[in-house]
Amino acid sequence: MRRTTFPDDDVIREMPDISGITTDPELLIKCVNIWRMRGFSDVPPDPYEVAMMNTIQQEVVIMANFIDFIRDEPKRLAASLDVPRLGDM
């Protein structure tokens, strides 16, 4: 703990020393939020696992977009050729 004085109110507070943290702060905040949702029970989540979870979730979104793109290809081709769709007749 270290003492810190805030200029707005001149109050001295004991603050945790975070100067030794080397992990990405955004990743750590995600870990803290996950741990908070668990009620701070058990051990905190592993930042590596949280980072991989985020990467995998992004890959799922990318794959879903790819699948939609492939499924919509006939519609795009028909639109580019000005072919009327059966549903429009």
C-alpha atoms as a PDB file:
ATOM      1  CA  MET A   1       0.000   0.000   0.000  1.00  0.00           C
ATOM      2  CA  ARG A   2       1.132   3.515  -0.639  1.00  0.00           C
ATOM      3  CA  ARG A   3      -0.165   6.853   0.469  1.00  0.00           C
ATOM      4  CA  THR A   4      -1.616   9.083  -2.214  1.00  0.00           C
ATOM      5  CA  THR A   5      -2.935  12.625  -1.881  1.00  0.00           C
ATOM      6  CA  PHE A   6      -5.645  13.628  -4.312  1.00  0.00           C
ATOM      7  CA  PRO A   7      -5.377  17.280  -5.376  1.00  0.00           C
ATOM      8  CA  ASP A   8      -9.138  17.808  -5.497  1.00  0.00           C
ATOM      9  CA  ASP A   9      -9.811  17.221  -1.828  1.00  0.00           C
ATOM     10  CA  ASP A  10      -6.337  17.043  -0.182  1.00  0.00           C
ATOM     11  CA  VAL A  11      -7.320  13.745   1.432  1.00  0.00           C
ATOM     12  CA  ILE A  12      -4.590  11.157   1.919  1.00  0.00           C
ATOM     13  CA  ARG A  13      -5.738   7.662   1.022  1.00  0.00           C
ATOM     14  CA  GLU A  14      -4.051   4.293   1.162  1.00  0.00           C
ATOM     15  CA  MET A  15      -3.893   2.948  -2.393  1.00  0.00           C
ATOM     16  CA  PRO A  16      -2.755  -0.471  -3.618  1.00  0.00           C
ATOM     17  CA  ASP A  17       0.528  -0.303  -5.512  1.00  0.00           C
ATOM     18  CA  ILE A  18      -0.148  -1.397  -9.103  1.00  0.00           C
ATOM     19  CA  SER A  19       3.201  -0.280 -10.506  1.00  0.00           C
ATOM     20  CA  GLY A  20       4.390  -3.875 -10.897  1.00  0.00           C
ATOM     21  CA  ILE A  21       1.539  -4.959 -13.185  1.00  0.00           C
ATOM     22  CA  THR A  22       2.787  -6.008 -16.606  1.00  0.00           C
ATOM     23  CA  THR A  23      -0.388  -7.584 -18.053  1.00  0.00           C
ATOM     24  CA  ASP A  24      -2.677  -5.564 -20.337  1.00  0.00           C
ATOM     25  CA  PRO A  25      -4.978  -3.532 -18.039  1.00  0.00           C
ATOM     26  CA  GLU A  26      -8.042  -4.122 -20.273  1.00  0.00           C
ATOM     27  CA  LEU A  27      -7.534  -7.862 -19.969  1.00  0.00           C
ATOM     28  CA  LEU A  28      -7.164  -7.585 -16.211  1.00  0.00           C
ATOM     29  CA  ILE A  29     -10.369  -5.533 -15.983  1.00  0.00           C
ATOM     30  CA  LYS A  30     -12.203  -8.305 -17.898  1.00  0.00           C
ATOM     31  CA  CYS A  31     -10.783 -10.845 -15.440  1.00  0.00           C
ATOM     32  CA  VAL A  32     -11.908  -8.736 -12.477  1.00  0.00           C
ATOM     33  CA  ASN A  33     -15.413  -8.394 -13.950  1.00  0.00           C
ATOM     34  CA  ILE A  34     -15.684 -12.160 -14.482  1.00  0.00           C
ATOM     35  CA  TRP A  35     -14.446 -12.780 -10.947  1.00  0.00           C
ATOM     36  CA  ARG A  36     -16.879 -10.164  -9.579  1.00  0.00           C
ATOM     37  CA  MET A  37     -19.803 -11.903 -11.352  1.00  0.00           C
ATOM     38  CA  ARG A  38     -18.768 -15.095  -9.542  1.00  0.00           C
ATOM     39  CA  GLY A  39     -18.950 -13.221  -6.239  1.00  0.00           C
ATOM     40  CA  PHE A  40     -15.148 -13.311  -5.868  1.00  0.00           C
ATOM     41  CA  SER A  41     -15.468 -16.991  -5.003  1.00  0.00           C
ATOM     42  CA  ASP A  42     -12.817 -19.522  -5.931  1.00  0.00           C
ATOM     43  CA  VAL A  43      -9.633 -18.341  -7.631  1.00  0.00           C
ATOM     44  CA  PRO A  44      -9.531 -15.409 -10.049  1.00  0.00           C
ATOM     45  CA  PRO A  45      -9.753 -16.284 -13.752  1.00  0.00           C
ATOM     46  CA  ASP A  46      -6.522 -16.867 -15.607  1.00  0.00           C
ATOM     47  CA  PRO A  47      -5.835 -13.877 -17.909  1.00  0.00           C
ATOM     48  CA  TYR A  48      -4.507 -16.231 -20.603  1.00  0.00           C
ATOM     49  CA  GLU A  49      -7.771 -18.211 -20.599  1.00  0.00           C
ATOM     50  CA  VAL A  50      -9.820 -15.003 -20.698  1.00  0.00           C
ATOM     51  CA  ALA A  51      -7.752 -13.731 -23.633  1.00  0.00           C
ATOM     52  CA  MET A  52      -8.245 -17.037 -25.467  1.00  0.00           C
ATOM     53  CA  MET A  53     -11.971 -16.978 -24.659  1.00  0.00           C
ATOM     54  CA  ASN A  54     -12.236 -13.504 -26.234  1.00  0.00           C
ATOM     55  CA  THR A  55     -10.244 -14.651 -29.274  1.00  0.00           C
ATOM     56  CA  ILE A  56     -12.428 -17.722 -29.727  1.00  0.00           C
ATOM     57  CA  GLN A  57     -15.605 -15.627 -29.374  1.00  0.00           C
ATOM     58  CA  GLN A  58     -14.317 -13.282 -32.087  1.00  0.00           C
ATOM     59  CA  GLU A  59     -13.584 -16.273 -34.312  1.00  0.00           C
ATOM     60  CA  VAL A  60     -17.159 -17.532 -33.820  1.00  0.00           C
ATOM     61  CA  VAL A  61     -18.490 -14.141 -34.941  1.00  0.00           C
ATOM     62  CA  ILE A  62     -16.180 -14.155 -37.970  1.00  0.00           C
ATOM     63  CA  MET A  63     -17.311 -17.678 -38.923  1.00  0.00           C
ATOM     64  CA  ALA A  64     -20.982 -16.721 -38.526  1.00  0.00           C
ATOM     65  CA  ASN A  65     -20.426 -13.754 -40.840  1.00  0.00           C
ATOM     66  CA  PHE A  66     -18.676 -16.020 -43.352  1.00  0.00           C
ATOM     67  CA  ILE A  67     -21.544 -18.527 -43.302  1.00  0.00           C
ATOM     68  CA  ASP A  68     -24.076 -15.728 -43.846  1.00  0.00           C
ATOM     69  CA  PHE A  69     -21.970 -14.400 -46.722  1.00  0.00           C
ATOM     70  CA  ILE A  70     -21.901 -17.816 -48.417  1.00  0.00           C
ATOM     71  CA  ARG A  71     -25.634 -18.373 -47.860  1.00  0.00           C
ATOM     72  CA  ASP A  72     -26.469 -14.948 -49.325  1.00  0.00           C
ATOM     73  CA  GLU A  73     -24.320 -15.426 -52.436  1.00  0.00           C
ATOM     74  CA  PRO A  74     -27.227 -16.518 -54.689  1.00  0.00           C
ATOM     75  CA  LYS A  75     -29.147 -13.374 -53.677  1.00  0.00           C
ATOM     76  CA  ARG A  76     -26.138 -11.167 -54.421  1.00  0.00           C
ATOM     77  CA  LEU A  77     -25.588 -12.817 -57.800  1.00  0.00           C
ATOM     78  CA  ALA A  78     -29.263 -12.475 -58.728  1.00  0.00           C
ATOM     79  CA  ALA A  79     -29.255  -8.826 -57.682  1.00  0.00           C
ATOM     80  CA  SER A  80     -26.170  -8.128 -59.764  1.00  0.00           C
ATOM     81  CA  LEU A  81     -27.818  -9.725 -62.833  1.00  0.00           C
ATOM     82  CA  ASP A  82     -31.206  -8.030 -62.207  1.00  0.00           C
ATOM     83  CA  VAL A  83     -32.886 -11.428 -62.124  1.00  0.00           C
ATOM     84  CA  PRO A  84     -36.290 -11.230 -60.407  1.00  0.00           C
ATOM     85  CA  ARG A  85     -36.613 -13.475 -57.384  1.00  0.00           C
ATOM     86  CA  LEU A  86     -39.489 -15.924 -57.162  1.00  0.00           C
ATOM     87  CA  GLY A  87     -40.689 -14.223 -54.004  1.00  0.00           C
ATOM     88  CA  ASP A  88     -40.969 -10.915 -55.856  1.00  0.00           C
ATOM     89  CA  MET A  89     -43.304 -12.327 -58.550  1.00  0.00           C
END
